[in-house]
Amino acid sequence: MAYFQHSDEYRRDELIRVIEHSVEKLTLQELEALYYDMSTKNYINESC
């Protein structure tokens, strides 16, 4: 069981790194569109 949990955590960390790297390359307009899309789907909660 611990193997699967470790594997899932590693995969999650890897996906976050890929997404962060991709987001860093976006233009302001692309970031605004992404923000709007994510906020309308409740993926972003600014009260954090």
Protein backbone atom coordinates (compact mmCIF):
# COMPACT_ATOMS: atom_id res chain seq x y z
CA MET A 1 0.00 0.00 0.00
CA ALA A 2 2.80 2.44 0.84
CA TYR A 3 4.29 1.86 -2.63
CA PHE A 4 1.13 3.10 -4.34
CA GLN A 5 0.87 6.10 -2.05
CA HIS A 6 4.49 7.03 -2.71
CA SER A 7 3.98 6.56 -6.42
CA ASP A 8 0.87 8.76 -6.37
CA GLU A 9 2.69 11.48 -4.43
CA TYR A 10 5.61 11.37 -6.87
CA ARG A 11 3.26 11.59 -9.85
CA ARG A 12 1.40 14.50 -8.26
CA ASP A 13 4.66 16.37 -7.62
CA GLU A 14 5.80 15.72 -11.18
CA LEU A 15 2.52 17.01 -12.62
CA ILE A 16 2.77 20.14 -10.49
CA ARG A 17 6.31 20.78 -11.78
CA VAL A 18 5.18 20.39 -15.41
CA ILE A 19 2.20 22.67 -14.89
CA GLU A 20 4.31 25.32 -13.11
CA HIS A 21 6.85 25.27 -15.92
CA SER A 22 4.10 25.67 -18.52
CA VAL A 23 2.35 28.48 -16.64
CA GLU A 24 5.59 30.45 -16.39
CA LYS A 25 5.63 30.71 -20.18
CA LEU A 26 2.09 32.08 -20.57
CA THR A 27 1.39 35.68 -21.55
CA LEU A 28 -0.66 37.95 -19.31
CA GLN A 29 -3.71 37.46 -21.51
CA GLU A 30 -3.31 33.68 -21.38
CA LEU A 31 -2.90 33.79 -17.60
CA GLU A 32 -6.03 35.91 -17.26
CA ALA A 33 -8.00 33.46 -19.42
CA LEU A 34 -6.70 30.53 -17.38
CA TYR A 35 -7.54 32.32 -14.14
CA TYR A 36 -11.06 33.08 -15.33
CA ASP A 37 -11.61 29.49 -16.46
CA MET A 38 -10.29 28.04 -13.21
CA SER A 39 -12.22 30.47 -11.01
CA THR A 40 -15.53 29.79 -12.79
CA LYS A 41 -14.95 26.07 -12.20
CA ASN A 42 -14.17 26.78 -8.52
CA TYR A 43 -10.60 25.49 -8.82
CA ILE A 44 -9.41 28.80 -7.39
CA ASN A 45 -10.54 30.11 -4.04
CA GLU A 46 -9.00 33.48 -3.22
CA SER A 47 -9.98 33.35 0.45
CA CYS A 48 -7.07 30.96 1.15
